PDB file of N, CA and C in Angstrom:
ATOM      1  N   LEU A   1       0.773  -1.209  -0.061  1.00  0.00           N
ATOM      2  CA  LEU A   1       0.000  -0.104   0.001  1.00  0.00           C
ATOM      3  C   LEU A   1       0.835   1.232  -0.068  1.00  0.00           C
ATOM      4  N   ASN A   2       1.995   1.290   0.801  1.00  0.00           N
ATOM      5  CA  ASN A   2       2.943   2.415   0.921  1.00  0.00           C
ATOM      6  C   ASN A   2       3.535   2.593  -0.544  1.00  0.00           C
ATOM      7  N   ARG A   3       3.926   1.473  -1.218  1.00  0.00           N
ATOM      8  CA  ARG A   3       4.441   1.565  -2.532  1.00  0.00           C
ATOM      9  C   ARG A   3       3.446   2.254  -3.451  1.00  0.00           C
ATOM     10  N   ARG A   4       2.258   1.868  -3.341  1.00  0.00           N
ATOM     11  CA  ARG A   4       1.234   2.424  -4.237  1.00  0.00           C
ATOM     12  C   ARG A   4       1.035   3.945  -3.895  1.00  0.00           C
ATOM     13  N   ILE A   5       1.040   4.184  -2.730  1.00  0.00           N
ATOM     14  CA  ILE A   5       0.821   5.715  -2.220  1.00  0.00           C
ATOM     15  C   ILE A   5       2.028   6.519  -2.905  1.00  0.00           C
ATOM     16  N   SER A   6       3.208   5.975  -2.625  1.00  0.00           N
ATOM     17  CA  SER A   6       4.375   6.557  -3.040  1.00  0.00           C
ATOM     18  C   SER A   6       4.427   6.712  -4.728  1.00  0.00           C
ATOM     19  N   HIS A   7       3.990   5.673  -5.356  1.00  0.00           N
ATOM     20  CA  HIS A   7       3.933   5.702  -6.787  1.00  0.00           C
ATOM     21  C   HIS A   7       2.853   6.836  -7.108  1.00  0.00           C
ATOM     22  N   LEU A   8       1.641   6.820  -6.536  1.00  0.00           N
ATOM     23  CA  LEU A   8       0.681   7.791  -7.001  1.00  0.00           C
ATOM     24  C   LEU A   8       1.070   9.132  -6.636  1.00  0.00           C
ATOM     25  N   THR A   9       1.837   9.378  -5.435  1.00  0.00           N
ATOM     26  CA  THR A   9       2.345  10.740  -5.125  1.00  0.00           C
ATOM     27  C   THR A   9       3.192  11.290  -6.119  1.00  0.00           C
ATOM     28  N   SER A  10       4.103  10.416  -6.593  1.00  0.00           N
ATOM     29  CA  SER A  10       5.120  10.622  -7.578  1.00  0.00           C
ATOM     30  C   SER A  10       4.367  11.065  -8.872  1.00  0.00           C
ATOM     31  N   GLU A  11       3.383  10.358  -9.307  1.00  0.00           N
ATOM     32  CA  GLU A  11       2.668  10.731 -10.417  1.00  0.00           C
ATOM     33  C   GLU A  11       2.000  11.894 -10.539  1.00  0.00           C
ATOM     34  N   LEU A  12       1.297  12.157  -9.178  1.00  0.00           N
ATOM     35  CA  LEU A  12       0.694  13.471  -8.996  1.00  0.00           C
ATOM     36  C   LEU A  12       1.641  14.570  -9.016  1.00  0.00           C
ATOM     37  N   GLU A  13       2.862  14.467  -8.453  1.00  0.00           N
ATOM     38  CA  GLU A  13       3.912  15.559  -8.533  1.00  0.00           C
ATOM     39  C   GLU A  13       4.283  15.806 -10.083  1.00  0.00           C
ATOM     40  N   LEU A  14       4.536  14.708 -10.781  1.00  0.00           N
ATOM     41  CA  LEU A  14       4.852  14.934 -12.098  1.00  0.00           C
ATOM     42  C   LEU A  14       3.740  15.595 -12.934  1.00  0.00           C
ATOM     43  N   ALA A  15       2.559  15.223 -12.599  1.00  0.00           N
ATOM     44  CA  ALA A  15       1.185  15.829 -13.249  1.00  0.00           C
ATOM     45  C   ALA A  15       1.250  17.335 -12.814  1.00  0.00           C
ATOM     46  N   ASN A  16       1.472  17.520 -11.618  1.00  0.00           N
ATOM     47  CA  ASN A  16       1.315  18.874 -11.132  1.00  0.00           C
ATOM     48  C   ASN A  16       2.555  19.858 -11.785  1.00  0.00           C
ATOM     49  N   GLY A  17       3.597  19.141 -12.007  1.00  0.00           N
ATOM     50  CA  GLY A  17       4.813  19.907 -12.774  1.00  0.00           C
ATOM     51  C   GLY A  17       4.454  20.044 -14.112  1.00  0.00           C
ATOM     52  N   ALA A  18       3.960  19.285 -14.719  1.00  0.00           N
ATOM     53  CA  ALA A  18       3.534  19.341 -16.150  1.00  0.00           C
ATOM     54  C   ALA A  18       2.341  20.374 -16.255  1.00  0.00           C
ATOM     55  N   HIS A  19       1.412  20.363 -15.373  1.00  0.00           N
ATOM     56  CA  HIS A  19       0.395  21.471 -15.215  1.00  0.00           C
ATOM     57  C   HIS A  19       1.040  22.823 -15.260  1.00  0.00           C
ATOM     58  N   ASP A  20       1.915  22.890 -14.098  1.00  0.00           N
ATOM     59  CA  ASP A  20       2.610  24.274 -13.965  1.00  0.00           C
ATOM     60  C   ASP A  20       3.218  24.721 -15.133  1.00  0.00           C
ATOM     61  N   ARG A  21       3.982  23.802 -15.902  1.00  0.00           N
ATOM     62  CA  ARG A  21       4.761  24.169 -17.041  1.00  0.00           C
ATOM     63  C   ARG A  21       3.784  24.540 -18.314  1.00  0.00           C
ATOM     64  N   LEU A  22       2.609  23.886 -18.423  1.00  0.00           N
ATOM     65  CA  LEU A  22       1.506  24.206 -19.299  1.00  0.00           C
ATOM     66  C   LEU A  22       0.951  25.563 -18.852  1.00  0.00           C
ATOM     67  N   HIS A  23       0.854  25.848 -17.545  1.00  0.00           N
ATOM     68  CA  HIS A  23       0.157  27.059 -17.138  1.00  0.00           C
ATOM     69  C   HIS A  23       1.142  28.250 -17.493  1.00  0.00           C
ATOM     70  N   GLU A  24       2.419  28.075 -17.143  1.00  0.00           N
ATOM     71  CA  GLU A  24       3.408  29.093 -17.713  1.00  0.00           C
ATOM     72  C   GLU A  24       3.566  29.360 -19.121  1.00  0.00           C
ATOM     73  N   THR A  25       3.395  28.190 -19.935  1.00  0.00           N
ATOM     74  CA  THR A  25       3.428  28.317 -21.232  1.00  0.00           C
ATOM     75  C   THR A  25       2.204  29.123 -21.788  1.00  0.00           C
ATOM     76  N   ASN A  26       0.999  28.800 -21.259  1.00  0.00           N
ATOM     77  CA  ASN A  26      -0.207  29.583 -21.586  1.00  0.00           C
ATOM     78  C   ASN A  26      -0.147  31.047 -21.210  1.00  0.00           C
ATOM     79  N   LEU A  27       0.539  31.398 -20.055  1.00  0.00           N
ATOM     80  CA  LEU A  27       0.701  32.798 -19.803  1.00  0.00           C
ATOM     81  C   LEU A  27       1.507  33.522 -20.766  1.00  0.00           C
ATOM     82  N   ARG A  28       2.712  32.889 -21.094  1.00  0.00           N
ATOM     83  CA  ARG A  28       3.648  33.475 -22.098  1.00  0.00           C
ATOM     84  C   ARG A  28       2.878  33.695 -23.389  1.00  0.00           C
ATOM     85  N   GLN A  29       2.124  32.688 -23.781  1.00  0.00           N
ATOM     86  CA  GLN A  29       1.404  32.833 -25.053  1.00  0.00           C
ATOM     87  C   GLN A  29       0.364  33.893 -24.946  1.00  0.00           C
ATOM     88  N   GLU A  30      -0.336  34.087 -23.829  1.00  0.00           N
ATOM     89  CA  GLU A  30      -1.226  35.211 -23.599  1.00  0.00           C
ATOM     90  C   GLU A  30      -0.695  36.515 -23.772  1.00  0.00           C
ATOM     91  N   ILE A  31       0.533  36.494 -23.068  1.00  0.00           N
ATOM     92  CA  ILE A  31       1.407  37.844 -23.132  1.00  0.00           C
ATOM     93  C   ILE A  31       1.779  38.056 -24.692  1.00  0.00           C
ATOM     94  N   GLU A  32       2.201  37.160 -25.350  1.00  0.00           N
ATOM     95  CA  GLU A  32       2.595  37.148 -26.670  1.00  0.00           C
ATOM     96  C   GLU A  32       1.364  37.622 -27.619  1.00  0.00           C
ATOM     97  N   LEU A  33       0.260  37.012 -27.407  1.00  0.00           N
ATOM     98  CA  LEU A  33      -1.049  37.415 -28.046  1.00  0.00           C
ATOM     99  C   LEU A  33      -1.396  38.871 -27.879  1.00  0.00           C
ATOM    100  N   ARG A  34      -1.312  39.333 -26.509  1.00  0.00           N
ATOM    101  CA  ARG A  34      -1.579  40.785 -26.227  1.00  0.00           C
ATOM    102  C   ARG A  34      -0.483  41.627 -27.250  1.00  0.00           C
ATOM    103  N   GLN A  35       0.708  41.281 -27.131  1.00  0.00           N
ATOM    104  CA  GLN A  35       1.741  42.036 -27.822  1.00  0.00           C
ATOM    105  C   GLN A  35       1.406  42.142 -29.194  1.00  0.00           C
ATOM    106  N   LEU A  36       0.999  40.934 -29.880  1.00  0.00           N
ATOM    107  CA  LEU A  36       0.666  40.843 -31.314  1.00  0.00           C
ATOM    108  C   LEU A  36      -0.572  41.757 -31.483  1.00  0.00           C
ATOM    109  N   ARG A  37      -1.562  41.680 -30.708  1.00  0.00           N
ATOM    110  CA  ARG A  37      -2.850  42.536 -30.893  1.00  0.00           C
ATOM    111  C   ARG A  37      -2.428  44.044 -30.884  1.00  0.00           C
ATOM    112  N   THR A  38      -1.486  44.361 -29.867  1.00  0.00           N
ATOM    113  CA  THR A  38      -1.058  45.720 -29.742  1.00  0.00           C
ATOM    114  C   THR A  38      -0.371  46.143 -31.187  1.00  0.00           C
ATOM    115  N   SER A  39       0.492  45.317 -31.668  1.00  0.00           N
ATOM    116  CA  SER A  39       1.247  45.589 -32.878  1.00  0.00           C
ATOM    117  C   SER A  39       0.220  45.658 -33.981  1.00  0.00           C
ATOM    118  N   LEU A  40      -0.767  44.874 -34.003  1.00  0.00           N
ATOM    119  CA  LEU A  40      -1.769  44.850 -35.154  1.00  0.00           C
ATOM    120  C   LEU A  40      -2.582  46.145 -35.121  1.00  0.00           C
ATOM    121  N   ASP A  41      -3.010  46.605 -33.789  1.00  0.00           N
ATOM    122  CA  ASP A  41      -3.619  47.797 -33.538  1.00  0.00           C
ATOM    123  C   ASP A  41      -2.907  48.999 -34.064  1.00  0.00           C
ATOM    124  N   ASP A  42      -1.642  48.910 -33.784  1.00  0.00           N
ATOM    125  CA  ASP A  42      -0.845  50.076 -34.142  1.00  0.00           C
ATOM    126  C   ASP A  42      -0.585  50.122 -35.654  1.00  0.00           C
ATOM    127  N   ALA A  43      -0.422  48.832 -36.124  1.00  0.00           N
ATOM    128  CA  ALA A  43      -0.245  48.832 -37.777  1.00  0.00           C
ATOM    129  C   ALA A  43      -1.466  49.281 -38.260  1.00  0.00           C
ATOM    130  N   GLN A  44      -2.666  48.852 -37.934  1.00  0.00           N
ATOM    131  CA  GLN A  44      -4.070  49.396 -38.492  1.00  0.00           C
ATOM    132  C   GLN A  44      -4.022  50.924 -38.386  1.00  0.00           C
ATOM    133  N   HIS A  45      -3.750  51.396 -37.237  1.00  0.00           N
ATOM    134  CA  HIS A  45      -3.820  52.884 -36.977  1.00  0.00           C
ATOM    135  C   HIS A  45      -2.896  53.533 -38.064  1.00  0.00           C
ATOM    136  N   ALA A  46      -1.633  53.176 -38.160  1.00  0.00           N
ATOM    137  CA  ALA A  46      -0.656  53.650 -38.985  1.00  0.00           C
ATOM    138  C   ALA A  46      -1.245  53.516 -40.601  1.00  0.00           C
ATOM    139  N   HIS A  47      -1.753  52.439 -40.870  1.00  0.00           N
ATOM    140  CA  HIS A  47      -2.261  52.222 -42.212  1.00  0.00           C
ATOM    141  C   HIS A  47      -3.492  53.309 -42.436  1.00  0.00           C
ATOM    142  N   ALA A  48      -4.448  53.247 -41.443  1.00  0.00           N
ATOM    143  CA  ALA A  48      -5.459  54.262 -41.596  1.00  0.00           C
ATOM    144  C   ALA A  48      -4.922  55.809 -41.701  1.00  0.00           C
ATOM    145  N   SER A  49      -3.973  56.071 -40.943  1.00  0.00           N
ATOM    146  CA  SER A  49      -3.487  57.476 -40.919  1.00  0.00           C
ATOM    147  C   SER A  49      -2.838  57.721 -42.219  1.00  0.00           C
ATOM    148  N   ALA A  50      -1.976  56.709 -42.882  1.00  0.00           N
ATOM    149  CA  ALA A  50      -1.368  56.963 -44.170  1.00  0.00           C
ATOM    150  C   ALA A  50      -2.444  56.971 -45.251  1.00  0.00           C
ATOM    151  N   GLN A  51      -3.467  56.194 -45.058  1.00  0.00           N
ATOM    152  CA  GLN A  51      -4.625  56.184 -46.126  1.00  0.00           C
ATOM    153  C   GLN A  51      -5.251  57.607 -45.997  1.00  0.00           C
ATOM    154  N   THR A  52      -5.450  58.136 -44.894  1.00  0.00           N
ATOM    155  CA  THR A  52      -5.985  59.451 -44.765  1.00  0.00           C
ATOM    156  C   THR A  52      -5.099  60.547 -45.326  1.00  0.00           C
ATOM    157  N   ALA A  53      -3.857  60.410 -45.049  1.00  0.00           N
ATOM    158  CA  ALA A  53      -2.885  61.338 -45.635  1.00  0.00           C
ATOM    159  C   ALA A  53      -2.965  61.244 -47.032  1.00  0.00           C
ATOM    160  N   ALA A  54      -2.841  60.009 -47.651  1.00  0.00           N
ATOM    161  CA  ALA A  54      -2.837  59.757 -49.218  1.00  0.00           C
ATOM    162  C   ALA A  54      -4.107  60.402 -49.761  1.00  0.00           C
ATOM    163  N   THR A  55      -5.278  60.348 -49.180  1.00  0.00           N
ATOM    164  CA  THR A  55      -6.506  60.885 -49.602  1.00  0.00           C
ATOM    165  C   THR A  55      -6.521  62.373 -49.798  1.00  0.00           C
ATOM    166  N   MET A  56      -5.924  62.970 -48.568  1.00  0.00           N
ATOM    167  CA  MET A  56      -5.734  64.366 -48.613  1.00  0.00           C
ATOM    168  C   MET A  56      -4.802  64.896 -49.484  1.00  0.00           C
ATOM    169  N   GLN A  57      -3.705  64.180 -49.777  1.00  0.00           N
ATOM    170  CA  GLN A  57      -2.808  64.529 -50.785  1.00  0.00           C
ATOM    171  C   GLN A  57      -3.375  64.311 -52.167  1.00  0.00           C
ATOM    172  N   LEU A  58      -4.145  63.413 -52.288  1.00  0.00           N
ATOM    173  CA  LEU A  58      -4.863  63.200 -53.721  1.00  0.00           C
ATOM    174  C   LEU A  58      -5.807  64.407 -53.888  1.00  0.00           C
ATOM    175  N   ALA A  59      -6.682  64.827 -52.992  1.00  0.00           N
ATOM    176  CA  ALA A  59      -7.505  65.862 -53.055  1.00  0.00           C
ATOM    177  C   ALA A  59      -6.759  67.065 -53.358  1.00  0.00           C
ATOM    178  N   GLU A  60      -5.595  67.344 -52.672  1.00  0.00           N
ATOM    179  CA  GLU A  60      -4.890  68.693 -52.796  1.00  0.00           C
ATOM    180  C   GLU A  60      -4.207  68.553 -54.304  1.00  0.00           C
ATOM    181  N   SER A  61      -3.747  67.415 -54.758  1.00  0.00           N
ATOM    182  CA  SER A  61      -3.138  67.394 -56.051  1.00  0.00           C
ATOM    183  C   SER A  61      -4.301  67.427 -57.146  1.00  0.00           C
ATOM    184  N   THR A  62      -5.382  67.043 -56.975  1.00  0.00           N
ATOM    185  CA  THR A  62      -6.552  67.277 -57.771  1.00  0.00           C
ATOM    186  C   THR A  62      -6.896  68.819 -57.898  1.00  0.00           C
ATOM    187  N   ARG A  63      -6.910  69.357 -56.893  1.00  0.00           N
ATOM    188  CA  ARG A  63      -7.194  70.853 -56.805  1.00  0.00           C
ATOM    189  C   ARG A  63      -6.095  71.534 -57.553  1.00  0.00           C
ATOM    190  N   GLU A  64      -4.769  71.251 -57.459  1.00  0.00           N
ATOM    191  CA  GLU A  64      -3.678  71.803 -58.086  1.00  0.00           C
ATOM    192  C   GLU A  64      -3.964  71.654 -59.634  1.00  0.00           C
ATOM    193  N   VAL A  65      -4.169  70.343 -60.070  1.00  0.00           N
ATOM    194  CA  VAL A  65      -4.410  70.021 -61.370  1.00  0.00           C
ATOM    195  C   VAL A  65      -5.512  70.886 -61.976  1.00  0.00           C
ATOM    196  N   GLU A  66      -6.567  71.077 -61.292  1.00  0.00           N
ATOM    197  CA  GLU A  66      -7.606  71.972 -61.856  1.00  0.00           C
ATOM    198  C   GLU A  66      -7.236  73.314 -61.884  1.00  0.00           C
ATOM    199  N   ARG A  67      -6.494  73.862 -60.914  1.00  0.00           N
ATOM    200  CA  ARG A  67      -5.888  75.337 -60.962  1.00  0.00           C
ATOM    201  C   ARG A  67      -4.996  75.482 -62.244  1.00  0.00           C
ATOM    202  N   LEU A  68      -4.175  74.432 -62.403  1.00  0.00           N
ATOM    203  CA  LEU A  68      -3.428  74.628 -63.544  1.00  0.00           C
ATOM    204  C   LEU A  68      -4.032  74.433 -64.967  1.00  0.00           C
ATOM    205  N   LYS A  69      -5.206  73.634 -64.923  1.00  0.00           N
ATOM    206  CA  LYS A  69      -5.973  73.640 -66.125  1.00  0.00           C
ATOM    207  C   LYS A  69      -6.642  74.953 -66.412  1.00  0.00           C
ATOM    208  N   LEU A  70      -7.219  75.595 -65.406  1.00  0.00           N
ATOM    209  CA  LEU A  70      -7.831  77.041 -65.621  1.00  0.00           C
ATOM    210  C   LEU A  70      -6.696  78.093 -65.925  1.00  0.00           C
ATOM    211  N   ASP A  71      -5.638  77.835 -65.354  1.00  0.00           N
ATOM    212  CA  ASP A  71      -4.583  78.762 -65.774  1.00  0.00           C
ATOM    213  C   ASP A  71      -4.025  78.554 -67.309  1.00  0.00           C
ATOM    214  N   MET A  72      -3.891  77.269 -67.697  1.00  0.00           N
ATOM    215  CA  MET A  72      -3.570  77.026 -69.034  1.00  0.00           C
ATOM    216  C   MET A  72      -4.688  77.668 -69.988  1.00  0.00           C
ATOM    217  N   GLU A  73      -6.045  77.364 -69.574  1.00  0.00           N
ATOM    218  CA  GLU A  73      -7.111  77.860 -70.448  1.00  0.00           C
ATOM    219  C   GLU A  73      -6.978  79.344 -70.562  1.00  0.00           C
ATOM    220  N   ARG A  74      -6.744  80.011 -69.387  1.00  0.00           N
ATOM    221  CA  ARG A  74      -6.596  81.517 -69.315  1.00  0.00           C
ATOM    222  C   ARG A  74      -5.501  81.977 -70.400  1.00  0.00           C
ATOM    223  N   ARG A  75      -4.382  81.241 -70.194  1.00  0.00           N
ATOM    224  CA  ARG A  75      -3.157  81.708 -71.123  1.00  0.00           C
ATOM    225  C   ARG A  75      -3.411  81.430 -72.464  1.00  0.00           C
ATOM    226  N   HIS A  76      -4.212  80.307 -72.906  1.00  0.00           N
ATOM    227  CA  HIS A  76      -4.545  80.091 -74.172  1.00  0.00           C
ATOM    228  C   HIS A  76      -5.415  81.030 -74.745  1.00  0.00           C
ATOM    229  N   ALA A  77      -6.402  81.370 -73.988  1.00  0.00           N
ATOM    230  CA  ALA A  77      -7.422  82.419 -74.478  1.00  0.00           C
ATOM    231  C   ALA A  77      -6.479  83.728 -74.708  1.00  0.00           C
ATOM    232  N   GLU A  78      -5.644  84.022 -73.703  1.00  0.00           N
ATOM    233  CA  GLU A  78      -4.911  85.321 -73.936  1.00  0.00           C
ATOM    234  C   GLU A  78      -4.020  85.222 -75.357  1.00  0.00           C
ATOM    235  N   ALA A  79      -3.353  84.107 -75.312  1.00  0.00           N
ATOM    236  CA  ALA A  79      -2.528  83.984 -76.519  1.00  0.00           C
ATOM    237  C   ALA A  79      -3.355  84.099 -77.815  1.00  0.00           C
ATOM    238  N   LEU A  80      -4.622  83.602 -77.971  1.00  0.00           N
ATOM    239  CA  LEU A  80      -5.511  83.715 -79.022  1.00  0.00           C
ATOM    240  C   LEU A  80      -5.873  85.124 -79.143  1.00  0.00           C
ATOM    241  N   ARG A  81      -6.156  85.907 -78.271  1.00  0.00           N
ATOM    242  CA  ARG A  81      -6.469  87.215 -78.360  1.00  0.00           C
ATOM    243  C   ARG A  81      -5.190  88.035 -78.889  1.00  0.00           C
ATOM    244  N   ARG A  82      -4.045  87.755 -78.392  1.00  0.00           N
ATOM    245  CA  ARG A  82      -2.832  88.383 -78.889  1.00  0.00           C
ATOM    246  C   ARG A  82      -2.705  87.975 -80.442  1.00  0.00           C
ATOM    247  N   GLU A  83      -2.964  86.718 -80.701  1.00  0.00           N
ATOM    248  CA  GLU A  83      -2.708  86.264 -82.099  1.00  0.00           C
ATOM    249  C   GLU A  83      -3.701  87.037 -83.124  1.00  0.00           C
ATOM    250  N   THR A  84      -4.933  87.097 -82.620  1.00  0.00           N
ATOM    251  CA  THR A  84      -5.996  87.821 -83.523  1.00  0.00           C
ATOM    252  C   THR A  84      -5.532  89.379 -83.486  1.00  0.00           C
ATOM    253  N   SER A  85      -5.205  89.952 -82.588  1.00  0.00           N
ATOM    254  CA  SER A  85      -4.759  91.455 -82.492  1.00  0.00           C
ATOM    255  C   SER A  85      -3.534  91.539 -83.396  1.00  0.00           C
ATOM    256  N   LEU A  86      -2.591  90.688 -83.483  1.00  0.00           N
ATOM    257  CA  LEU A  86      -1.370  90.868 -84.338  1.00  0.00           C
ATOM    258  C   LEU A  86      -1.767  90.547 -85.835  1.00  0.00           C
ATOM    259  N   GLN A  87      -2.780  89.665 -85.987  1.00  0.00           N
ATOM    260  CA  GLN A  87      -3.191  89.333 -87.431  1.00  0.00           C
ATOM    261  C   GLN A  87      -3.918  90.650 -87.924  1.00  0.00           C
ATOM    262  N   ARG A  88      -4.753  91.358 -87.148  1.00  0.00           N
ATOM    263  CA  ARG A  88      -5.450  92.494 -87.498  1.00  0.00           C
ATOM    264  C   ARG A  88      -4.511  93.625 -87.678  1.00  0.00           C
ATOM    265  N   ALA A  89      -3.425  93.701 -86.942  1.00  0.00           N
ATOM    266  CA  ALA A  89      -2.498  94.911 -87.135  1.00  0.00           C
ATOM    267  C   ALA A  89      -1.803  94.588 -88.282  1.00  0.00           C
ATOM    268  N   ARG A  90      -1.350  93.278 -88.727  1.00  0.00           N
ATOM    269  CA  ARG A  90      -0.711  92.922 -89.975  1.00  0.00           C
ATOM    270  C   ARG A  90      -1.503  93.260 -91.082  1.00  0.00           C
ATOM    271  N   GLU A  91      -2.733  92.776 -90.986  1.00  0.00           N
ATOM    272  CA  GLU A  91      -3.750  93.112 -92.184  1.00  0.00           C
ATOM    273  C   GLU A  91      -3.855  94.605 -92.343  1.00  0.00           C
ATOM    274  N   GLU A  92      -3.975  95.355 -91.213  1.00  0.00           N
ATOM    275  CA  GLU A  92      -4.040  96.808 -91.414  1.00  0.00           C
ATOM    276  C   GLU A  92      -2.824  97.351 -92.120  1.00  0.00           C
ATOM    277  N   LEU A  93      -1.624  97.013 -91.701  1.00  0.00           N
ATOM    278  CA  LEU A  93      -0.376  97.408 -92.151  1.00  0.00           C
ATOM    279  C   LEU A  93      -0.285  97.021 -93.648  1.00  0.00           C
ATOM    280  N   ALA A  94      -0.706  95.932 -93.920  1.00  0.00           N
ATOM    281  CA  ALA A  94      -0.632  95.399 -95.375  1.00  0.00           C
ATOM    282  C   ALA A  94      -1.526  96.323 -96.190  1.00  0.00           C
ATOM    283  N   SER A  95      -2.653  96.520 -95.781  1.00  0.00           N
ATOM    284  CA  SER A  95      -3.697  97.383 -96.290  1.00  0.00           C
ATOM    285  C   SER A  95      -3.200  98.805 -96.617  1.00  0.00           C
ATOM    286  N   ALA A  96      -2.556  99.406 -95.395  1.00  0.00           N
ATOM    287  CA  ALA A  96      -1.844 100.769 -95.599  1.00  0.00           C
ATOM    288  C   ALA A  96      -0.812 100.631 -96.591  1.00  0.00           C
ATOM    289  N   CYS A  97       0.002  99.622 -96.662  1.00  0.00           N
ATOM    290  CA  CYS A  97       1.048  99.533 -97.719  1.00  0.00           C
ATOM    291  C   CYS A  97       0.570  99.446 -98.939  1.00  0.00           C
ATOM    292  N   MET A  98      -0.528  98.859 -99.135  1.00  0.00           N
ATOM    293  CA  MET A  98      -1.124  98.782-100.553  1.00  0.00           C
ATOM    294  C   MET A  98      -1.738 100.206-100.947  1.00  0.00           C
ATOM    295  N   GLN A  99      -2.246 100.768 -99.932  1.00  0.00           N
ATOM    296  CA  GLN A  99      -2.745 102.248-100.389  1.00  0.00           C
ATOM    297  C   GLN A  99      -1.764 103.150-100.601  1.00  0.00           C
ATOM    298  N   GLN A 100      -0.528 102.969-100.081  1.00  0.00           N
ATOM    299  CA  GLN A 100       0.467 103.866-100.522  1.00  0.00           C
ATOM    300  C   GLN A 100       1.101 103.640-101.655  1.00  0.00           C
ATOM    301  N   GLN A 101       0.941 102.437-102.207  1.00  0.00           N
ATOM    302  CA  GLN A 101       1.534 102.159-103.563  1.00  0.00           C
ATOM    303  C   GLN A 101       0.597 102.597-104.532  1.00  0.00           C
TER     304      GLN A 101
END
């Protein structure tokens, strides 16, 4: 009976040791899981911030493109006015030259 008690006590101690190791492993894994969740949250926040910044940059670039288009159209219209004015002056000069001859 004493040998049986001793054997069962030994098995209980081994089982308790294995249980303690499993518990420690579980605690380490929970800590690692929390750290991974924190890293994931940080990465998601950084991604959202970068996406917001990119959206804002896109909107700013779009406004700049529209501003440049309007400026180009204004300059084109001004160039056409100048060309028309120069053509009229040239025609008037040619007409004046013809009249003098």
